[in-house]
Amino acid sequence: MDDTGFFSVQVLSRALQVWGLDFAQLNSSETRVVNARDYPTIQKGYICNFEQHWLTIRRIGNQWFNLNSLLAYPELLSDTYLSEFIAQLQREGYSIFVVFGEFPHCEADDILRMTPAVQAQPPPLINEAPKRGQETASNDPDLQRAIGMSVGQDVDLQKVLQLSRESVMAEAMERQRKNPEAPLELPFNFSQSDGDSDLDLAIKLSEASFAQEVMKEQKGNL
């Protein structure tokens, strides 16, 4: 593990580089991060990680949203509550990263600048009251449309993350090919909970590939 946390952070860093973005941990002594701690509301987004769970805090339009997959719908955060919410996540053990750079244009920004979202109550957990959550979110059609567009960007991010994971996996397999006696080194916390089957498959494929190489060498020595 390095200073930035789990190795999976490197995968995310590669994905962000596609859009010319980078990030740094909130407890860093970098000048830009110190400014982010002092003035959190002028930033554009945060990525938060606790064990295998990731969530993002993003400014869309002129408002902040907690985009957490455990919630029935995005949670609207006021500027005054943003700092308190980040501090709360840190107390709960989350690693917080500040995202820097020019975010890609999103139509959701335009919509929410023209029609700011209003949220009467915080969202429930998705496994507690999904129907009630969906009904509440649908009460604000502009918010629903804006968040839908933002989610569309998240789908693109997932595609890039998948490509990045495949790249890291390929590098690990190449290192093993060059040094067959070394164990297959995979990043700790490399896959999300829903990607374990893909990782298992990749490991099996790697082991099969290694076995084939050994068989070829044995045949060549006969």
C-alpha atoms as a PDB file:
ATOM      1  CA  MET A   1       0.000   0.000   0.000  1.00  0.00           C
ATOM      2  CA  ASP A   2       1.360   3.474  -0.858  1.00  0.00           C
ATOM      3  CA  ASP A   3       0.596   6.934   0.551  1.00  0.00           C
ATOM      4  CA  THR A   4      -2.533   7.277  -1.564  1.00  0.00           C
ATOM      5  CA  GLY A   5      -4.208   4.142  -0.208  1.00  0.00           C
ATOM      6  CA  PHE A   6      -5.085   0.938  -2.043  1.00  0.00           C
ATOM      7  CA  PHE A   7      -3.592   0.076  -5.403  1.00  0.00           C
ATOM      8  CA  SER A   8      -7.039   0.494  -6.970  1.00  0.00           C
ATOM      9  CA  VAL A   9      -6.521   4.242  -6.605  1.00  0.00           C
ATOM     10  CA  GLN A  10      -3.995   3.957  -9.438  1.00  0.00           C
ATOM     11  CA  VAL A  11      -6.654   2.429 -11.675  1.00  0.00           C
ATOM     12  CA  LEU A  12      -8.996   5.311 -10.923  1.00  0.00           C
ATOM     13  CA  SER A  13      -6.190   7.790 -11.563  1.00  0.00           C
ATOM     14  CA  ARG A  14      -5.673   6.352 -15.043  1.00  0.00           C
ATOM     15  CA  ALA A  15      -9.377   6.641 -15.756  1.00  0.00           C
ATOM     16  CA  LEU A  16      -9.465  10.299 -14.703  1.00  0.00           C
ATOM     17  CA  GLN A  17      -6.473  11.083 -16.901  1.00  0.00           C
ATOM     18  CA  VAL A  18      -8.614  10.294 -19.940  1.00  0.00           C
ATOM     19  CA  TRP A  19     -10.520  13.538 -19.237  1.00  0.00           C
ATOM     20  CA  GLY A  20      -7.452  15.483 -18.169  1.00  0.00           C
ATOM     21  CA  LEU A  21      -8.353  15.189 -14.479  1.00  0.00           C
ATOM     22  CA  ASP A  22      -6.311  14.190 -11.477  1.00  0.00           C
ATOM     23  CA  PHE A  23      -6.868  13.959  -7.751  1.00  0.00           C
ATOM     24  CA  ALA A  24      -5.091  14.110  -4.412  1.00  0.00           C
ATOM     25  CA  GLN A  25      -5.895  12.908  -0.923  1.00  0.00           C
ATOM     26  CA  LEU A  26      -7.549  15.517   1.267  1.00  0.00           C
ATOM     27  CA  ASN A  27      -4.948  15.181   4.029  1.00  0.00           C
ATOM     28  CA  SER A  28      -2.118  16.017   1.612  1.00  0.00           C
ATOM     29  CA  SER A  29       0.107  19.024   2.270  1.00  0.00           C
ATOM     30  CA  GLU A  30      -0.093  20.172  -1.370  1.00  0.00           C
ATOM     31  CA  THR A  31      -1.013  23.842  -1.689  1.00  0.00           C
ATOM     32  CA  ARG A  32      -4.024  23.105  -3.878  1.00  0.00           C
ATOM     33  CA  VAL A  33      -5.301  20.556  -1.357  1.00  0.00           C
ATOM     34  CA  VAL A  34      -4.819  22.962   1.542  1.00  0.00           C
ATOM     35  CA  ASN A  35      -6.953  25.456  -0.395  1.00  0.00           C
ATOM     36  CA  ALA A  36      -9.566  22.743  -0.930  1.00  0.00           C
ATOM     37  CA  ARG A  37      -9.722  22.085   2.802  1.00  0.00           C
ATOM     38  CA  ASP A  38     -10.130  25.802   3.501  1.00  0.00           C
ATOM     39  CA  TYR A  39     -12.660  26.415   0.714  1.00  0.00           C
ATOM     40  CA  PRO A  40     -14.434  23.110  -0.049  1.00  0.00           C
ATOM     41  CA  THR A  41     -17.383  24.684  -1.880  1.00  0.00           C
ATOM     42  CA  ILE A  42     -15.253  26.178  -4.668  1.00  0.00           C
ATOM     43  CA  GLN A  43     -14.035  22.718  -5.692  1.00  0.00           C
ATOM     44  CA  LYS A  44     -15.769  20.578  -8.311  1.00  0.00           C
ATOM     45  CA  GLY A  45     -15.838  17.098  -6.891  1.00  0.00           C
ATOM     46  CA  TYR A  46     -14.647  14.599  -4.315  1.00  0.00           C
ATOM     47  CA  ILE A  47     -14.139  10.838  -4.486  1.00  0.00           C
ATOM     48  CA  CYS A  48     -14.604   8.923  -1.235  1.00  0.00           C
ATOM     49  CA  ASN A  49     -13.528   5.372  -0.443  1.00  0.00           C
ATOM     50  CA  PHE A  50     -14.087   3.038   2.492  1.00  0.00           C
ATOM     51  CA  GLU A  51     -12.900  -0.530   1.990  1.00  0.00           C
ATOM     52  CA  GLN A  52     -14.677  -1.672  -1.210  1.00  0.00           C
ATOM     53  CA  HIS A  53     -17.297   1.085  -1.292  1.00  0.00           C
ATOM     54  CA  TRP A  54     -16.840   4.214  -3.383  1.00  0.00           C
ATOM     55  CA  LEU A  55     -19.027   7.301  -3.614  1.00  0.00           C
ATOM     56  CA  THR A  56     -18.647  10.731  -5.165  1.00  0.00           C
ATOM     57  CA  ILE A  57     -19.603  14.204  -4.030  1.00  0.00           C
ATOM     58  CA  ARG A  58     -20.053  16.389  -7.079  1.00  0.00           C
ATOM     59  CA  ARG A  59     -21.062  19.927  -7.847  1.00  0.00           C
ATOM     60  CA  ILE A  60     -23.686  19.950 -10.601  1.00  0.00           C
ATOM     61  CA  GLY A  61     -24.766  23.407 -11.633  1.00  0.00           C
ATOM     62  CA  ASN A  62     -24.231  25.448  -8.481  1.00  0.00           C
ATOM     63  CA  GLN A  63     -25.319  22.715  -6.091  1.00  0.00           C
ATOM     64  CA  TRP A  64     -23.639  19.789  -4.397  1.00  0.00           C
ATOM     65  CA  PHE A  65     -24.887  16.201  -4.538  1.00  0.00           C
ATOM     66  CA  ASN A  66     -23.931  13.059  -2.674  1.00  0.00           C
ATOM     67  CA  LEU A  67     -23.894  10.400  -5.422  1.00  0.00           C
ATOM     68  CA  ASN A  68     -23.946   7.254  -3.326  1.00  0.00           C
ATOM     69  CA  SER A  69     -25.176   3.977  -4.824  1.00  0.00           C
ATOM     70  CA  LEU A  70     -26.476   2.936  -1.391  1.00  0.00           C
ATOM     71  CA  LEU A  71     -29.068   5.721  -1.504  1.00  0.00           C
ATOM     72  CA  ALA A  72     -32.347   5.542  -3.410  1.00  0.00           C
ATOM     73  CA  TYR A  73     -31.479   8.762  -5.247  1.00  0.00           C
ATOM     74  CA  PRO A  74     -28.829  11.544  -5.049  1.00  0.00           C
ATOM     75  CA  GLU A  75     -28.746  13.584  -1.861  1.00  0.00           C
ATOM     76  CA  LEU A  76     -28.732  17.371  -2.176  1.00  0.00           C
ATOM     77  CA  LEU A  77     -26.055  18.944   0.050  1.00  0.00           C
ATOM     78  CA  SER A  78     -26.132  22.604   1.012  1.00  0.00           C
ATOM     79  CA  ASP A  79     -22.913  24.623   0.875  1.00  0.00           C
ATOM     80  CA  THR A  80     -22.957  24.994   4.652  1.00  0.00           C
ATOM     81  CA  TYR A  81     -23.409  21.238   5.171  1.00  0.00           C
ATOM     82  CA  LEU A  82     -20.714  20.158   2.685  1.00  0.00           C
ATOM     83  CA  SER A  83     -17.769  20.589   5.077  1.00  0.00           C
ATOM     84  CA  GLU A  84     -19.631  18.836   7.879  1.00  0.00           C
ATOM     85  CA  PHE A  85     -20.558  15.937   5.583  1.00  0.00           C
ATOM     86  CA  ILE A  86     -16.944  15.462   4.448  1.00  0.00           C
ATOM     87  CA  ALA A  87     -15.768  15.565   8.071  1.00  0.00           C
ATOM     88  CA  GLN A  88     -18.413  12.976   8.963  1.00  0.00           C
ATOM     89  CA  LEU A  89     -17.166  10.628   6.226  1.00  0.00           C
ATOM     90  CA  GLN A  90     -13.610  11.009   7.504  1.00  0.00           C
ATOM     91  CA  ARG A  91     -14.720  10.096  11.034  1.00  0.00           C
ATOM     92  CA  GLU A  92     -16.384   6.999   9.582  1.00  0.00           C
ATOM     93  CA  GLY A  93     -13.060   5.924   8.081  1.00  0.00           C
ATOM     94  CA  TYR A  94     -13.432   7.145   4.495  1.00  0.00           C
ATOM     95  CA  SER A  95     -10.434   8.292   2.473  1.00  0.00           C
ATOM     96  CA  ILE A  96     -11.345  11.541   0.713  1.00  0.00           C
ATOM     97  CA  PHE A  97      -9.802  12.644  -2.581  1.00  0.00           C
ATOM     98  CA  VAL A  98     -10.219  16.048  -4.213  1.00  0.00           C
ATOM     99  CA  VAL A  99     -10.636  15.993  -8.002  1.00  0.00           C
ATOM    100  CA  PHE A 100      -8.818  18.708  -9.955  1.00  0.00           C
ATOM    101  CA  GLY A 101      -9.138  19.801 -13.567  1.00  0.00           C
ATOM    102  CA  GLU A 102     -11.783  20.983 -16.007  1.00  0.00           C
ATOM    103  CA  PHE A 103     -14.750  18.631 -15.880  1.00  0.00           C
ATOM    104  CA  PRO A 104     -16.334  17.601 -19.220  1.00  0.00           C
ATOM    105  CA  HIS A 105     -19.416  19.609 -20.148  1.00  0.00           C
ATOM    106  CA  CYS A 106     -22.602  18.064 -18.793  1.00  0.00           C
ATOM    107  CA  GLU A 107     -26.084  19.233 -19.755  1.00  0.00           C
ATOM    108  CA  ALA A 108     -27.128  18.591 -16.171  1.00  0.00           C
ATOM    109  CA  ASP A 109     -25.021  21.602 -15.181  1.00  0.00           C
ATOM    110  CA  ASP A 110     -27.005  23.859 -17.506  1.00  0.00           C
ATOM    111  CA  ILE A 111     -30.356  22.553 -16.284  1.00  0.00           C
ATOM    112  CA  LEU A 112     -29.589  22.928 -12.586  1.00  0.00           C
ATOM    113  CA  ARG A 113     -28.153  26.408 -13.058  1.00  0.00           C
ATOM    114  CA  MET A 114     -31.431  27.482 -14.609  1.00  0.00           C
ATOM    115  CA  THR A 115     -33.654  25.500 -12.222  1.00  0.00           C
ATOM    116  CA  PRO A 116     -31.947  24.678  -8.907  1.00  0.00           C
ATOM    117  CA  ALA A 117     -33.039  21.449  -7.260  1.00  0.00           C
ATOM    118  CA  VAL A 118     -35.144  21.424  -4.099  1.00  0.00           C
ATOM    119  CA  GLN A 119     -35.202  18.376  -1.841  1.00  0.00           C
ATOM    120  CA  ALA A 120     -37.824  18.124   0.893  1.00  0.00           C
ATOM    121  CA  GLN A 121     -36.236  15.171   2.680  1.00  0.00           C
ATOM    122  CA  PRO A 122     -32.999  13.181   2.497  1.00  0.00           C
ATOM    123  CA  PRO A 123     -33.051   9.974   0.448  1.00  0.00           C
ATOM    124  CA  PRO A 124     -33.551   6.615   2.179  1.00  0.00           C
ATOM    125  CA  LEU A 125     -31.207   3.697   1.744  1.00  0.00           C
ATOM    126  CA  ILE A 126     -32.010   1.898  -1.483  1.00  0.00           C
ATOM    127  CA  ASN A 127     -32.781  -1.394   0.286  1.00  0.00           C
ATOM    128  CA  GLU A 128     -35.119   0.253   2.788  1.00  0.00           C
ATOM    129  CA  ALA A 129     -37.613   2.194   0.692  1.00  0.00           C
ATOM    130  CA  PRO A 130     -36.779   2.057  -3.025  1.00  0.00           C
ATOM    131  CA  LYS A 131     -40.322   2.831  -4.154  1.00  0.00           C
ATOM    132  CA  ARG A 132     -40.661   5.835  -1.873  1.00  0.00           C
ATOM    133  CA  GLY A 133     -37.268   7.059  -3.000  1.00  0.00           C
ATOM    134  CA  GLN A 134     -38.177   6.797  -6.656  1.00  0.00           C
ATOM    135  CA  GLU A 135     -41.442   8.651  -6.088  1.00  0.00           C
ATOM    136  CA  THR A 136     -39.707  11.475  -4.229  1.00  0.00           C
ATOM    137  CA  ALA A 137     -37.094  11.891  -6.925  1.00  0.00           C
ATOM    138  CA  SER A 138     -39.760  11.945  -9.620  1.00  0.00           C
ATOM    139  CA  ASN A 139     -41.460  14.911  -7.935  1.00  0.00           C
ATOM    140  CA  ASP A 140     -38.767  17.137  -9.441  1.00  0.00           C
ATOM    141  CA  PRO A 141     -38.617  16.399 -13.195  1.00  0.00           C
ATOM    142  CA  ASP A 142     -35.722  18.800 -13.788  1.00  0.00           C
ATOM    143  CA  LEU A 143     -33.665  17.149 -11.074  1.00  0.00           C
ATOM    144  CA  GLN A 144     -34.568  13.709 -12.421  1.00  0.00           C
ATOM    145  CA  ARG A 145     -33.464  14.675 -15.916  1.00  0.00           C
ATOM    146  CA  ALA A 146     -30.256  16.317 -14.705  1.00  0.00           C
ATOM    147  CA  ILE A 147     -29.273  13.384 -12.524  1.00  0.00           C
ATOM    148  CA  GLY A 148     -30.074  11.007 -15.373  1.00  0.00           C
ATOM    149  CA  MET A 149     -27.576  12.828 -17.556  1.00  0.00           C
ATOM    150  CA  SER A 150     -25.018  12.756 -14.776  1.00  0.00           C
ATOM    151  CA  VAL A 151     -25.545   9.009 -14.370  1.00  0.00           C
ATOM    152  CA  GLY A 152     -24.921   8.673 -18.097  1.00  0.00           C
ATOM    153  CA  GLN A 153     -21.489  10.139 -17.528  1.00  0.00           C
ATOM    154  CA  ASP A 154     -20.957   7.645 -14.700  1.00  0.00           C
ATOM    155  CA  VAL A 155     -21.620   4.822 -17.188  1.00  0.00           C
ATOM    156  CA  ASP A 156     -18.875   6.208 -19.413  1.00  0.00           C
ATOM    157  CA  LEU A 157     -16.578   6.352 -16.399  1.00  0.00           C
ATOM    158  CA  GLN A 158     -17.308   2.697 -15.634  1.00  0.00           C
ATOM    159  CA  LYS A 159     -16.287   1.791 -19.191  1.00  0.00           C
ATOM    160  CA  VAL A 160     -13.001   3.641 -18.788  1.00  0.00           C
ATOM    161  CA  LEU A 161     -12.430   2.032 -15.400  1.00  0.00           C
ATOM    162  CA  GLN A 162     -12.972  -1.393 -16.969  1.00  0.00           C
ATOM    163  CA  LEU A 163     -10.389  -0.639 -19.656  1.00  0.00           C
ATOM    164  CA  SER A 164      -7.997   0.568 -16.974  1.00  0.00           C
ATOM    165  CA  ARG A 165      -8.520  -2.605 -14.933  1.00  0.00           C
ATOM    166  CA  GLU A 166      -7.845  -4.708 -18.027  1.00  0.00           C
ATOM    167  CA  SER A 167      -4.665  -2.726 -18.634  1.00  0.00           C
ATOM    168  CA  VAL A 168      -3.438  -3.314 -15.088  1.00  0.00           C
ATOM    169  CA  MET A 169      -4.320  -7.014 -15.363  1.00  0.00           C
ATOM    170  CA  ALA A 170      -2.413  -7.300 -18.640  1.00  0.00           C
ATOM    171  CA  GLU A 171       0.654  -5.701 -17.069  1.00  0.00           C
ATOM    172  CA  ALA A 172       0.513  -8.126 -14.141  1.00  0.00           C
ATOM    173  CA  MET A 173       0.258 -11.099 -16.478  1.00  0.00           C
ATOM    174  CA  GLU A 174       3.167  -9.802 -18.578  1.00  0.00           C
ATOM    175  CA  ARG A 175       5.348  -9.502 -15.468  1.00  0.00           C
ATOM    176  CA  GLN A 176       4.507 -13.088 -14.561  1.00  0.00           C
ATOM    177  CA  ARG A 177       5.350 -14.266 -18.072  1.00  0.00           C
ATOM    178  CA  LYS A 178       8.799 -12.673 -17.819  1.00  0.00           C
ATOM    179  CA  ASN A 179       9.345 -14.080 -14.337  1.00  0.00           C
ATOM    180  CA  PRO A 180       7.411 -17.391 -14.126  1.00  0.00           C
ATOM    181  CA  GLU A 181       8.641 -18.202 -10.612  1.00  0.00           C
ATOM    182  CA  ALA A 182       7.132 -15.045  -9.149  1.00  0.00           C
ATOM    183  CA  PRO A 183       3.516 -15.116  -7.939  1.00  0.00           C
ATOM    184  CA  LEU A 184       0.892 -13.291  -9.936  1.00  0.00           C
ATOM    185  CA  GLU A 185       0.798  -9.820  -8.372  1.00  0.00           C
ATOM    186  CA  LEU A 186      -2.667  -8.309  -8.439  1.00  0.00           C
ATOM    187  CA  PRO A 187      -3.666  -4.999  -6.871  1.00  0.00           C
ATOM    188  CA  PHE A 188      -5.193  -5.254  -3.424  1.00  0.00           C
ATOM    189  CA  ASN A 189      -8.869  -4.278  -3.508  1.00  0.00           C
ATOM    190  CA  PHE A 190      -8.526  -4.359  -7.295  1.00  0.00           C
ATOM    191  CA  SER A 191     -12.115  -5.270  -8.057  1.00  0.00           C
ATOM    192  CA  GLN A 192     -15.385  -3.955  -6.743  1.00  0.00           C
ATOM    193  CA  SER A 193     -17.784  -6.364  -5.039  1.00  0.00           C
ATOM    194  CA  ASP A 194     -19.713  -6.914  -8.247  1.00  0.00           C
ATOM    195  CA  GLY A 195     -16.568  -7.639 -10.236  1.00  0.00           C
ATOM    196  CA  ASP A 196     -15.167 -10.539  -8.251  1.00  0.00           C
ATOM    197  CA  SER A 197     -16.233 -13.094 -10.858  1.00  0.00           C
ATOM    198  CA  ASP A 198     -14.329 -11.202 -13.558  1.00  0.00           C
ATOM    199  CA  LEU A 199     -11.217 -11.162 -11.398  1.00  0.00           C
ATOM    200  CA  ASP A 200     -11.509 -14.872 -10.635  1.00  0.00           C
ATOM    201  CA  LEU A 201     -11.859 -15.584 -14.345  1.00  0.00           C
ATOM    202  CA  ALA A 202      -8.804 -13.481 -15.142  1.00  0.00           C
ATOM    203  CA  ILE A 203      -6.742 -15.337 -12.537  1.00  0.00           C
ATOM    204  CA  LYS A 204      -7.835 -18.683 -13.960  1.00  0.00           C
ATOM    205  CA  LEU A 205      -6.950 -17.551 -17.472  1.00  0.00           C
ATOM    206  CA  SER A 206      -3.557 -16.402 -16.261  1.00  0.00           C
ATOM    207  CA  GLU A 207      -2.904 -19.715 -14.533  1.00  0.00           C
ATOM    208  CA  ALA A 208      -3.955 -21.585 -17.665  1.00  0.00           C
ATOM    209  CA  SER A 209      -1.649 -19.447 -19.775  1.00  0.00           C
ATOM    210  CA  PHE A 210       1.233 -20.100 -17.390  1.00  0.00           C
ATOM    211  CA  ALA A 211       0.572 -23.851 -17.478  1.00  0.00           C
ATOM    212  CA  GLN A 212       0.667 -23.800 -21.276  1.00  0.00           C
ATOM    213  CA  GLU A 213       4.046 -22.032 -21.222  1.00  0.00           C
ATOM    214  CA  VAL A 214       5.452 -24.688 -18.869  1.00  0.00           C
ATOM    215  CA  MET A 215       4.165 -27.489 -21.113  1.00  0.00           C
ATOM    216  CA  LYS A 216       5.770 -25.872 -24.162  1.00  0.00           C
ATOM    217  CA  GLU A 217       9.128 -25.656 -22.385  1.00  0.00           C
ATOM    218  CA  GLN A 218       8.899 -29.285 -21.293  1.00  0.00           C
ATOM    219  CA  LYS A 219       8.139 -30.411 -24.853  1.00  0.00           C
ATOM    220  CA  GLY A 220      11.074 -28.390 -26.126  1.00  0.00           C
ATOM    221  CA  ASN A 221      13.420 -30.139 -23.720  1.00  0.00           C
ATOM    222  CA  LEU A 222      12.313 -33.647 -24.776  1.00  0.00           C
END
